[in-house]
Amino acid sequence: MHKRIKCLAIIGVLLGLSSARGDHRIGDICRIKGQEENLLHGFGLVIGLKGTGDSDMKATQRALAHYMELLGHRIGTGQGGQPVTDELKSVKNVGLVYVTATVPQGGAQQGDLLDCNLSASSAKSLEGGYLMLTELKGPVPGDKKVYALARGYVALDDVSKPQTGRVLLGCQLERKIENEFVTKDGKLILVMNKDHAAFQTATDVERAINQEPDFISNSSAQEIAKAMDQVTIEVTIPPSYTERPTLFVSTLLSTRLSPPQVNTRVIINERKQMFAIGADVEISPVAIMHKSRMIQIGDQPASNEAVAFNPRGDTSKPKLESLVAALNLLKVPAPDVIDIIKMLKHKRALFGELIIE
C-alpha cells in the first residue's frame, strides 16, 4: 500500500527568504565577514590509559621522549646525538592524539576556557586517560604562535567510539583572539548563507539597506550598500555610526526584508525522500504517464483514462506545487513524484532551479 507523499511546500522564499510576510531579518540569511569561528589545534599525549596506548608507534615514542626532555629527564642517545626511543616501547599507557578547540565567532579573551576535542592517532581507547599539557596553534600554516594550552581528564562522548573524547573546559587561551569586521576604509562585508545565496536575494538585501531611514544621511544621498555578486554585499558605515560600528552592525542585522518577487527553487533530498517546492515554480502543458494512469497538465483534452490537471482553468502556466498536491491525492509514492519532477526538468517543462542533495 502506497504511503502518502511527504511534501513540504515552502510558500516562503527559497531564494533567500523564508516567509512572505517580511518578518525575517538580514541577520537570518547573512553574516558579517570576519566573524567566523577559528580552529586551534595541535598534537599531544594522553597518559593513564588501560594498556590501550600506541607507544609501539615511532611518532608516539619521539613525542614522549621530547616531552620528557622538556621536563629535564633525558633518555639515552645514539651516535648522532638523537634520543634512543626503543626503551619506550614497553610503555603501554600513553597515546598520541590530535587536539582541537573552536574559538567562537566573537573571539575570545586571554584566560577564557574552551572545550577541546581529542582524536587518537592509533590508540585503541582513550578511556581513563589524561591529556598532558599541549600547545595549540592557529590554523594558518607557518604560524608558530601558541594561542592556548590544553590539559585535563578525557571524557568519552560515545563509549562505542573510544578513540575520540573531550576535555571539558580543558583549553585555556593564552592570547586574545579578536575578529575584526570593519575594514580600514570604514566598510564591512555581508556574506550570504550558502542556502540563500542568489542574485535576486543579494539585490533585495541591498535595497533594504539603502531604503532604511536610519542609514540615510541628510548630508549625502549616496547609497551605502552595493551587492558585489550573489554572495557578498559591501556596506559603508554611515557617518552617524562611524564611532559606533557595533551599534551599526546590530541595527543592520536587525533590518527587516521585504518579500521577494519570485520563489522558483525546488530542492530534493533523495535519501530522505523529501522535497521542498517554491510557490512560484511553473510547469508547461505536458502529459505524464504514471503506471496505469495518465496525468495531463494544462488545457489538453483528457482521454477516458486520464486525469486532467488545470487547477486555475485559465491560460497561465500551472504551478508545480499544485501538481504535487494532485499526485498526493492520487497516493503516488514520494519516489515516483521525485522521478516525475526530474523528468519535467529533463524535458524542459519545469521553470525553476532544481537542486538534488
Protein backbone atom coordinates (compact mmCIF):
# COMPACT_ATOMS: atom_id res chain seq x y z
CA MET A 1 0.00 0.00 0.00
CA HIS A 2 1.41 3.33 -1.09
CA LYS A 3 2.32 5.83 1.56
CA ARG A 4 1.08 9.37 1.23
CA ILE A 5 3.72 11.65 -0.21
CA LYS A 6 5.66 13.62 2.33
CA CYS A 7 5.83 17.00 0.67
CA LEU A 8 6.92 20.24 2.25
CA ALA A 9 5.59 23.12 0.12
CA ILE A 10 7.61 26.16 1.02
CA ILE A 11 5.42 29.20 0.44
CA GLY A 12 8.22 31.46 1.63
CA VAL A 13 11.30 32.31 -0.31
CA LEU A 14 13.77 29.58 -1.14
CA LEU A 15 15.94 32.08 -2.97
CA GLY A 16 16.97 33.62 0.30
CA LEU A 17 13.92 34.40 2.39
CA SER A 18 11.77 32.15 4.48
CA SER A 19 8.49 33.95 4.68
CA ALA A 20 6.23 36.14 2.57
CA ARG A 21 5.25 38.33 5.48
CA GLY A 22 8.53 40.24 5.72
CA ASP A 23 9.09 39.02 9.28
CA HIS A 24 12.69 37.97 8.63
CA ARG A 25 15.88 39.91 9.21
CA ILE A 26 19.09 40.37 7.27
CA GLY A 27 20.87 38.56 10.09
CA ASP A 28 18.78 35.45 9.35
CA ILE A 29 20.39 34.98 5.95
CA CYS A 30 23.72 36.85 6.22
CA ARG A 31 26.77 37.01 8.42
CA ILE A 32 29.49 39.63 8.80
CA LYS A 33 32.75 38.69 7.11
CA GLY A 34 35.43 38.27 9.74
CA GLN A 35 33.01 36.94 12.34
CA GLU A 36 33.84 33.27 11.78
CA GLU A 37 34.80 30.53 14.16
CA ASN A 38 38.54 29.82 14.41
CA LEU A 39 40.19 26.46 14.95
CA LEU A 40 43.14 25.91 17.27
CA HIS A 41 44.94 22.60 17.01
CA GLY A 42 48.00 20.61 17.96
CA PHE A 43 49.31 17.15 18.79
CA GLY A 44 49.52 15.95 22.37
CA LEU A 45 49.89 12.89 24.55
CA VAL A 46 47.31 11.15 26.70
CA ILE A 47 48.64 9.13 29.61
CA GLY A 48 46.99 6.84 32.15
CA LEU A 49 45.38 4.56 29.57
CA LYS A 50 44.49 0.98 30.46
CA GLY A 51 47.04 -0.69 28.24
CA THR A 52 45.35 0.70 25.13
CA GLY A 53 48.09 3.12 24.09
CA ASP A 54 50.21 3.18 20.95
CA SER A 55 53.77 3.55 22.27
CA ASP A 56 54.91 0.98 19.73
CA MET A 57 54.46 3.72 17.13
CA LYS A 58 57.62 5.74 16.40
CA ALA A 59 55.79 9.08 16.41
CA THR A 60 54.46 8.45 19.91
CA GLN A 61 57.89 7.43 21.14
CA ARG A 62 59.51 10.58 19.76
CA ALA A 63 56.78 12.81 21.23
CA LEU A 64 57.12 11.19 24.65
CA ALA A 65 60.92 11.47 24.53
CA HIS A 66 60.69 15.15 23.59
CA TYR A 67 58.22 15.83 26.40
CA MET A 68 60.45 14.08 28.92
CA GLU A 69 63.46 16.13 27.80
CA LEU A 70 61.49 19.36 28.21
CA LEU A 71 60.86 18.34 31.81
CA GLY A 72 64.57 17.68 32.36
CA HIS A 73 64.50 13.90 32.09
CA ARG A 74 66.96 12.89 29.40
CA ILE A 75 66.96 9.46 27.84
CA GLY A 76 69.77 7.63 26.12
CA THR A 77 71.15 8.98 22.84
CA GLY A 78 72.66 7.29 19.81
CA GLN A 79 75.85 8.07 17.94
CA GLY A 80 74.28 11.05 16.19
CA GLY A 81 73.02 12.51 19.45
CA GLN A 82 69.42 11.56 18.69
CA PRO A 83 67.33 10.12 21.55
CA VAL A 84 67.08 6.36 21.57
CA THR A 85 63.35 5.72 21.87
CA ASP A 86 63.46 1.93 21.84
CA GLU A 87 63.33 1.88 25.63
CA LEU A 88 59.86 3.49 25.45
CA LYS A 89 58.33 0.61 23.51
CA SER A 90 57.13 -1.07 26.67
CA VAL A 91 55.09 1.95 27.74
CA LYS A 92 51.52 0.83 27.04
CA ASN A 93 49.54 3.57 28.77
CA VAL A 94 50.30 6.54 26.51
CA GLY A 95 48.78 7.54 23.19
CA LEU A 96 49.33 10.27 20.60
CA VAL A 97 46.24 12.42 19.97
CA TYR A 98 45.18 15.29 17.74
CA VAL A 99 43.70 18.09 19.82
CA THR A 100 41.34 20.81 18.55
CA ALA A 101 39.46 23.70 20.14
CA THR A 102 36.98 26.05 18.45
CA VAL A 103 37.10 29.77 19.18
CA PRO A 104 33.57 31.26 18.82
CA GLN A 105 32.66 33.88 16.22
CA GLY A 106 33.00 36.73 18.67
CA GLY A 107 36.58 35.79 19.51
CA ALA A 108 37.97 35.09 22.99
CA GLN A 109 39.93 36.80 25.73
CA GLN A 110 43.14 35.69 27.38
CA GLY A 111 42.25 33.29 30.17
CA ASP A 112 38.96 32.09 28.64
CA LEU A 113 38.31 28.36 28.90
CA LEU A 114 37.07 26.25 25.99
CA ASP A 115 36.26 22.59 25.48
CA CYS A 116 38.79 20.67 23.43
CA ASN A 117 38.28 17.54 21.35
CA LEU A 118 40.70 14.65 21.08
CA SER A 119 41.17 12.04 18.37
CA ALA A 120 43.60 9.16 18.81
CA SER A 121 46.13 8.59 16.06
CA SER A 122 46.48 4.89 16.78
CA ALA A 123 45.48 4.17 20.39
CA LYS A 124 42.61 1.72 20.77
CA SER A 125 40.88 3.69 23.53
CA LEU A 126 41.27 6.98 25.39
CA GLU A 127 39.11 5.89 28.31
CA GLY A 128 40.54 6.89 31.67
CA GLY A 129 43.30 9.00 30.11
CA TYR A 130 44.69 12.39 30.99
CA LEU A 131 45.79 14.89 28.35
CA MET A 132 49.26 16.19 29.14
CA LEU A 133 49.91 19.91 28.73
CA THR A 134 49.55 20.55 24.99
CA GLU A 135 50.31 23.64 22.94
CA LEU A 136 47.60 24.69 20.48
CA LYS A 137 48.42 26.85 17.49
CA GLY A 138 46.34 28.68 14.88
CA PRO A 139 45.02 27.28 11.60
CA VAL A 140 47.40 29.26 9.37
CA PRO A 141 50.41 27.14 8.29
CA GLY A 142 53.69 28.58 9.49
CA ASP A 143 52.15 30.48 12.40
CA LYS A 144 54.28 29.35 15.33
CA LYS A 145 52.43 31.36 17.98
CA VAL A 146 50.95 29.38 20.84
CA TYR A 147 47.37 30.57 21.29
CA ALA A 148 46.22 28.17 24.00
CA LEU A 149 47.26 25.36 26.32
CA ALA A 150 45.14 22.27 26.82
CA ARG A 151 45.17 19.65 29.55
CA GLY A 152 42.81 17.58 31.67
CA TYR A 153 40.98 14.30 32.09
CA VAL A 154 39.43 12.81 28.98
CA ALA A 155 35.69 12.11 28.87
CA LEU A 156 34.20 9.90 26.18
CA ASP A 157 31.19 11.33 24.37
CA ASP A 158 30.30 7.91 22.97
CA VAL A 159 31.55 4.70 24.58
CA SER A 160 31.14 2.95 21.24
CA LYS A 161 33.81 5.31 19.83
CA PRO A 162 36.58 5.20 22.48
CA GLN A 163 39.17 6.64 20.08
CA THR A 164 37.64 10.12 20.44
CA GLY A 165 36.96 12.16 23.54
CA ARG A 166 36.68 15.59 25.06
CA VAL A 167 38.27 17.61 27.85
CA LEU A 168 35.61 19.89 29.27
CA LEU A 169 36.93 23.46 29.63
CA GLY A 170 40.39 22.00 29.25
CA CYS A 171 41.70 24.64 26.84
CA GLN A 172 42.90 27.96 28.26
CA LEU A 173 43.52 30.90 25.91
CA GLU A 174 46.99 32.41 26.26
CA ARG A 175 46.35 35.18 23.73
CA LYS A 176 43.43 37.44 22.92
CA ILE A 177 41.76 36.38 19.68
CA GLU A 178 39.82 39.23 18.14
CA ASN A 179 37.90 39.05 14.86
CA GLU A 180 38.00 42.36 13.00
CA PHE A 181 34.87 43.11 11.00
CA VAL A 182 35.42 46.72 9.85
CA THR A 183 37.95 47.41 7.09
CA LYS A 184 40.40 50.29 7.20
CA ASP A 185 38.22 52.31 4.82
CA GLY A 186 35.17 52.03 7.09
CA LYS A 187 33.35 49.24 5.30
CA LEU A 188 32.09 45.80 6.18
CA ILE A 189 31.10 42.83 4.05
CA LEU A 190 27.87 40.88 4.37
CA VAL A 191 28.18 37.25 3.31
CA MET A 192 25.03 35.36 2.28
CA ASN A 193 24.43 31.95 3.80
CA LYS A 194 25.04 29.29 1.15
CA ASP A 195 21.40 28.17 1.21
CA HIS A 196 20.22 31.69 0.38
CA ALA A 197 22.93 32.92 -1.99
CA ALA A 198 21.27 34.23 -5.16
CA PHE A 199 21.45 37.39 -7.26
CA GLN A 200 17.82 38.26 -6.51
CA THR A 201 18.31 37.87 -2.77
CA ALA A 202 21.53 39.91 -2.76
CA THR A 203 19.67 42.66 -4.61
CA ASP A 204 16.82 42.52 -2.09
CA VAL A 205 19.29 42.92 0.78
CA GLU A 206 20.99 45.83 -0.97
CA ARG A 207 17.64 47.56 -1.49
CA ALA A 208 16.53 47.02 2.11
CA ILE A 209 19.71 48.58 3.48
CA ASN A 210 19.63 51.57 1.15
CA GLN A 211 15.98 52.25 1.99
CA GLU A 212 16.44 52.02 5.76
CA PRO A 213 15.74 55.53 7.19
CA ASP A 214 18.31 55.15 9.99
CA PHE A 215 21.08 54.72 7.41
CA ILE A 216 20.17 57.70 5.21
CA SER A 217 22.38 60.72 5.78
CA ASN A 218 21.00 64.23 5.38
CA SER A 219 24.33 65.45 4.02
CA SER A 220 24.71 62.73 1.42
CA ALA A 221 22.29 60.88 -0.82
CA GLN A 222 24.85 58.22 -1.64
CA GLU A 223 23.70 54.63 -1.16
CA ILE A 224 25.73 52.73 1.39
CA ALA A 225 25.11 49.15 0.20
CA LYS A 226 26.25 47.54 -3.01
CA ALA A 227 25.71 43.90 -4.00
CA MET A 228 29.03 42.69 -5.40
CA ASP A 229 27.72 39.30 -6.51
CA GLN A 230 25.18 36.71 -5.37
CA VAL A 231 27.15 36.07 -2.15
CA THR A 232 28.59 39.36 -0.89
CA ILE A 233 27.20 42.84 -0.22
CA GLU A 234 29.59 45.68 0.57
CA VAL A 235 28.27 48.15 3.14
CA THR A 236 29.80 51.51 4.02
CA ILE A 237 29.25 52.57 7.62
CA PRO A 238 27.25 55.85 7.52
CA PRO A 239 28.76 58.93 9.20
CA SER A 240 26.29 58.80 12.09
CA TYR A 241 27.63 55.37 13.07
CA THR A 242 31.35 55.89 12.40
CA GLU A 243 32.18 55.96 16.10
CA ARG A 244 29.67 53.22 16.93
CA PRO A 245 30.30 50.33 14.50
CA THR A 246 28.92 47.73 16.89
CA LEU A 247 25.58 49.54 17.12
CA PHE A 248 25.52 49.82 13.33
CA VAL A 249 26.07 46.08 12.88
CA SER A 250 23.31 45.32 15.39
CA THR A 251 20.88 47.64 13.59
CA LEU A 252 21.96 46.34 10.19
CA LEU A 253 21.41 42.67 11.02
CA SER A 254 18.01 43.51 12.53
CA THR A 255 16.81 45.28 9.39
CA ARG A 256 13.63 43.69 8.03
CA LEU A 257 13.40 42.39 4.49
CA SER A 258 10.52 42.80 2.06
CA PRO A 259 9.09 39.73 0.32
CA PRO A 260 10.88 38.82 -2.90
CA GLN A 261 9.10 38.71 -6.24
CA VAL A 262 9.74 35.11 -7.17
CA ASN A 263 10.33 31.77 -5.50
CA THR A 264 11.41 29.30 -8.14
CA ARG A 265 13.63 26.77 -6.42
CA VAL A 266 12.96 23.05 -5.97
CA ILE A 267 15.11 21.10 -3.51
CA ILE A 268 15.05 17.29 -3.48
CA ASN A 269 16.64 15.04 -0.85
CA GLU A 270 16.52 11.60 -2.45
CA ARG A 271 17.95 9.80 0.57
CA LYS A 272 15.18 11.05 2.87
CA GLN A 273 12.55 11.04 0.10
CA MET A 274 11.63 14.64 0.84
CA PHE A 275 11.42 17.75 -1.28
CA ALA A 276 10.70 21.47 -0.95
CA ILE A 277 8.91 23.36 -3.70
CA GLY A 278 8.87 27.10 -4.28
CA ALA A 279 5.44 28.67 -4.63
CA ASP A 280 6.28 30.27 -7.99
CA VAL A 281 7.63 27.22 -9.83
CA GLU A 282 5.65 26.87 -13.05
CA ILE A 283 5.38 23.92 -15.45
CA SER A 284 4.47 23.69 -19.12
CA PRO A 285 1.49 21.75 -20.50
CA VAL A 286 2.61 18.15 -20.69
CA ALA A 287 1.23 14.63 -20.39
CA ILE A 288 2.67 12.26 -17.79
CA MET A 289 2.12 8.52 -17.81
CA HIS A 290 2.40 7.06 -14.33
CA LYS A 291 1.88 3.31 -14.31
CA SER A 292 -1.77 2.81 -15.38
CA ARG A 293 -2.78 6.45 -15.03
CA MET A 294 -2.01 9.40 -17.30
CA ILE A 295 -1.88 12.91 -15.92
CA GLN A 296 -2.37 15.72 -18.41
CA ILE A 297 -1.18 19.15 -17.34
CA GLY A 298 -2.73 22.22 -18.90
CA ASP A 299 -5.70 22.60 -21.20
CA GLN A 300 -5.10 19.48 -23.25
CA PRO A 301 -8.25 17.37 -23.73
CA ALA A 302 -8.20 14.45 -21.32
CA SER A 303 -8.76 10.92 -22.54
CA ASN A 304 -11.09 8.50 -20.76
CA GLU A 305 -8.24 7.06 -18.74
CA ALA A 306 -6.61 10.38 -17.95
CA VAL A 307 -6.78 12.74 -15.01
CA ALA A 308 -6.96 16.31 -16.29
CA PHE A 309 -4.98 18.84 -14.27
CA ASN A 310 -5.57 22.58 -14.66
CA PRO A 311 -6.41 23.99 -11.22
CA ARG A 312 -6.87 27.55 -12.39
CA GLY A 313 -8.77 26.92 -15.59
CA ASP A 314 -7.02 29.89 -17.21
CA THR A 315 -4.20 30.44 -19.67
CA SER A 316 -1.48 30.88 -17.07
CA LYS A 317 1.05 28.12 -16.53
CA PRO A 318 0.16 25.59 -13.78
CA LYS A 319 2.21 25.53 -10.59
CA LEU A 320 4.38 22.56 -9.66
CA GLU A 321 3.09 22.62 -6.08
CA SER A 322 -0.47 22.16 -7.40
CA LEU A 323 0.63 19.17 -9.47
CA VAL A 324 2.30 17.60 -6.43
CA ALA A 325 -0.88 18.19 -4.40
CA ALA A 326 -2.86 16.38 -7.10
CA LEU A 327 -0.41 13.48 -7.11
CA ASN A 328 -0.70 13.36 -3.34
CA LEU A 329 -4.47 12.90 -3.65
CA LEU A 330 -3.79 10.04 -6.05
CA LYS A 331 -1.49 8.49 -3.42
CA VAL A 332 1.50 8.44 -5.72
CA PRO A 333 4.56 7.46 -3.61
CA ALA A 334 7.29 10.02 -2.99
CA PRO A 335 9.99 8.26 -5.11
CA ASP A 336 7.66 8.35 -8.12
CA VAL A 337 6.88 12.05 -7.57
CA ILE A 338 10.61 12.79 -7.42
CA ASP A 339 11.08 10.93 -10.72
CA ILE A 340 8.24 12.95 -12.28
CA ILE A 341 9.80 16.24 -11.16
CA LYS A 342 13.18 15.20 -12.55
CA MET A 343 11.55 14.19 -15.83
CA LEU A 344 9.82 17.57 -16.08
CA LYS A 345 13.18 19.27 -15.67
CA HIS A 346 14.78 16.95 -18.22
CA LYS A 347 12.05 17.75 -20.74
CA ARG A 348 12.45 21.49 -20.04
CA ALA A 349 8.90 21.67 -18.78
CA LEU A 350 9.87 22.92 -15.30
CA PHE A 351 10.60 26.64 -14.98
CA GLY A 352 12.84 26.86 -11.94
CA GLU A 353 16.09 25.72 -10.37
CA LEU A 354 16.28 22.04 -9.41
CA ILE A 355 18.72 21.17 -6.59
CA ILE A 356 19.29 17.50 -5.75
CA GLU A 357 21.02 16.87 -2.41
